[in-house]
Amino acid sequence: MGERLEALMRIVVGFVSGIILYFWAYLIGLLIVVNFIWTLISGKRIKDVAELCEVWNTQKYDFFRYMTFVTNERPFPFNRIEKNISKFSRR
């Protein structure tokens, strides 16, 4: 019965986490534009903005891993925010 219950929980988790990631994506889109314009003007990326975008990438990845049954570890907000998958590159 454990796997069936976990499969049903994916409906609730998918709905709640999906809505959060959907609205968070609009913020990320805005930050991409800001970072792009700032980089064109100053010649340097804003490290904090790039790292925030990576946090979103990590959460989206965790969400899809859960929704596709790769793992039973629930994504944010049902679990803590995971560390970034990759590190910020200075290239």
C-alpha atoms as a PDB file:
ATOM      1  CA  MET A   1       0.000   0.000   0.000  1.00  0.00           C
ATOM      2  CA  GLY A   2       3.008   2.334   0.486  1.00  0.00           C
ATOM      3  CA  GLU A   3       3.739   2.827  -3.222  1.00  0.00           C
ATOM      4  CA  ARG A   4       0.073   3.424  -4.019  1.00  0.00           C
ATOM      5  CA  LEU A   5      -0.203   6.092  -1.347  1.00  0.00           C
ATOM      6  CA  GLU A   6       3.024   7.710  -2.567  1.00  0.00           C
ATOM      7  CA  ALA A   7       1.684   7.670  -6.127  1.00  0.00           C
ATOM      8  CA  LEU A   8      -1.492   9.436  -4.974  1.00  0.00           C
ATOM      9  CA  MET A   9       0.575  11.967  -3.015  1.00  0.00           C
ATOM     10  CA  ARG A  10       2.233  12.945  -6.292  1.00  0.00           C
ATOM     11  CA  ILE A  11      -1.035  14.632  -7.268  1.00  0.00           C
ATOM     12  CA  VAL A  12      -0.946  16.911  -4.213  1.00  0.00           C
ATOM     13  CA  VAL A  13       2.818  17.458  -4.347  1.00  0.00           C
ATOM     14  CA  GLY A  14       2.721  18.070  -8.092  1.00  0.00           C
ATOM     15  CA  PHE A  15      -0.016  20.652  -7.740  1.00  0.00           C
ATOM     16  CA  VAL A  16       1.503  22.597  -4.828  1.00  0.00           C
ATOM     17  CA  SER A  17       5.146  22.415  -5.910  1.00  0.00           C
ATOM     18  CA  GLY A  18       4.184  22.998  -9.533  1.00  0.00           C
ATOM     19  CA  ILE A  19       2.380  26.241  -8.720  1.00  0.00           C
ATOM     20  CA  ILE A  20       5.310  27.493  -6.639  1.00  0.00           C
ATOM     21  CA  LEU A  21       7.840  26.645  -9.366  1.00  0.00           C
ATOM     22  CA  TYR A  22       5.597  28.181 -12.031  1.00  0.00           C
ATOM     23  CA  PHE A  23       5.449  31.575 -10.326  1.00  0.00           C
ATOM     24  CA  TRP A  24       9.092  31.351  -9.294  1.00  0.00           C
ATOM     25  CA  ALA A  25       9.923  30.880 -13.000  1.00  0.00           C
ATOM     26  CA  TYR A  26       8.565  34.360 -13.766  1.00  0.00           C
ATOM     27  CA  LEU A  27      10.959  35.817 -11.195  1.00  0.00           C
ATOM     28  CA  ILE A  28      13.805  33.826 -12.730  1.00  0.00           C
ATOM     29  CA  GLY A  29      12.892  35.137 -16.192  1.00  0.00           C
ATOM     30  CA  LEU A  30      13.047  38.693 -14.883  1.00  0.00           C
ATOM     31  CA  LEU A  31      16.385  38.014 -13.206  1.00  0.00           C
ATOM     32  CA  ILE A  32      17.780  36.584 -16.444  1.00  0.00           C
ATOM     33  CA  VAL A  33      16.943  39.824 -18.247  1.00  0.00           C
ATOM     34  CA  VAL A  34      18.392  41.948 -15.418  1.00  0.00           C
ATOM     35  CA  ASN A  35      21.592  39.891 -15.310  1.00  0.00           C
ATOM     36  CA  PHE A  36      21.890  40.025 -19.099  1.00  0.00           C
ATOM     37  CA  ILE A  37      21.530  43.813 -19.227  1.00  0.00           C
ATOM     38  CA  TRP A  38      23.869  44.288 -16.250  1.00  0.00           C
ATOM     39  CA  THR A  39      26.486  42.061 -17.892  1.00  0.00           C
ATOM     40  CA  LEU A  40      26.277  44.026 -21.139  1.00  0.00           C
ATOM     41  CA  ILE A  41      26.742  47.313 -19.272  1.00  0.00           C
ATOM     42  CA  SER A  42      29.322  46.358 -16.643  1.00  0.00           C
ATOM     43  CA  GLY A  43      31.049  43.380 -18.254  1.00  0.00           C
ATOM     44  CA  LYS A  44      30.463  41.217 -15.149  1.00  0.00           C
ATOM     45  CA  ARG A  45      27.655  38.892 -14.117  1.00  0.00           C
ATOM     46  CA  ILE A  46      25.844  39.334 -10.817  1.00  0.00           C
ATOM     47  CA  LYS A  47      26.981  36.261  -8.912  1.00  0.00           C
ATOM     48  CA  ASP A  48      24.071  36.269  -6.433  1.00  0.00           C
ATOM     49  CA  VAL A  49      21.496  36.392  -9.231  1.00  0.00           C
ATOM     50  CA  ALA A  50      23.206  33.530 -11.044  1.00  0.00           C
ATOM     51  CA  GLU A  51      23.247  31.473  -7.849  1.00  0.00           C
ATOM     52  CA  LEU A  52      19.538  32.167  -7.206  1.00  0.00           C
ATOM     53  CA  CYS A  53      18.760  30.972 -10.715  1.00  0.00           C
ATOM     54  CA  GLU A  54      20.750  27.808  -9.988  1.00  0.00           C
ATOM     55  CA  VAL A  55      18.663  27.184  -6.860  1.00  0.00           C
ATOM     56  CA  TRP A  56      15.554  27.306  -9.063  1.00  0.00           C
ATOM     57  CA  ASN A  57      17.191  24.923 -11.565  1.00  0.00           C
ATOM     58  CA  THR A  58      17.945  22.502  -8.743  1.00  0.00           C
ATOM     59  CA  GLN A  59      14.390  22.665  -7.382  1.00  0.00           C
ATOM     60  CA  LYS A  60      12.926  22.120 -10.849  1.00  0.00           C
ATOM     61  CA  TYR A  61      15.218  19.121 -11.328  1.00  0.00           C
ATOM     62  CA  ASP A  62      14.181  17.652  -7.950  1.00  0.00           C
ATOM     63  CA  PHE A  63      10.516  18.244  -8.832  1.00  0.00           C
ATOM     64  CA  PHE A  64      10.799  16.346 -12.126  1.00  0.00           C
ATOM     65  CA  ARG A  65      12.744  13.504 -10.505  1.00  0.00           C
ATOM     66  CA  TYR A  66       9.913  13.076  -8.018  1.00  0.00           C
ATOM     67  CA  MET A  67       7.096  13.412 -10.536  1.00  0.00           C
ATOM     68  CA  THR A  68       8.665  10.860 -12.902  1.00  0.00           C
ATOM     69  CA  PHE A  69       9.037   8.288 -10.082  1.00  0.00           C
ATOM     70  CA  VAL A  70      12.837   8.385 -10.105  1.00  0.00           C
ATOM     71  CA  THR A  71      12.804   9.053  -6.373  1.00  0.00           C
ATOM     72  CA  ASN A  72      10.306   9.199  -3.530  1.00  0.00           C
ATOM     73  CA  GLU A  73      12.034  12.186  -1.933  1.00  0.00           C
ATOM     74  CA  ARG A  74       9.513  15.002  -2.106  1.00  0.00           C
ATOM     75  CA  PRO A  75      10.560  18.375  -3.501  1.00  0.00           C
ATOM     76  CA  PHE A  76      10.246  21.822  -1.927  1.00  0.00           C
ATOM     77  CA  PRO A  77       8.051  22.867  -0.014  1.00  0.00           C
ATOM     78  CA  PHE A  78       7.479  19.344   1.327  1.00  0.00           C
ATOM     79  CA  ASN A  79      11.190  18.966   1.957  1.00  0.00           C
ATOM     80  CA  ARG A  80      14.053  21.367   2.563  1.00  0.00           C
ATOM     81  CA  ILE A  81      15.576  23.289  -0.320  1.00  0.00           C
ATOM     82  CA  GLU A  82      18.417  21.202  -1.715  1.00  0.00           C
ATOM     83  CA  LYS A  83      21.899  22.506  -2.336  1.00  0.00           C
ATOM     84  CA  ASN A  84      22.747  23.611  -5.835  1.00  0.00           C
ATOM     85  CA  ILE A  85      23.542  20.860  -8.295  1.00  0.00           C
ATOM     86  CA  SER A  86      26.384  22.782  -9.869  1.00  0.00           C
ATOM     87  CA  LYS A  87      28.676  25.532  -8.665  1.00  0.00           C
ATOM     88  CA  PHE A  88      28.864  29.053 -10.004  1.00  0.00           C
ATOM     89  CA  SER A  89      31.517  29.332 -12.700  1.00  0.00           C
ATOM     90  CA  ARG A  90      33.605  32.453 -13.180  1.00  0.00           C
ATOM     91  CA  ARG A  91      34.111  31.877 -16.913  1.00  0.00           C
END
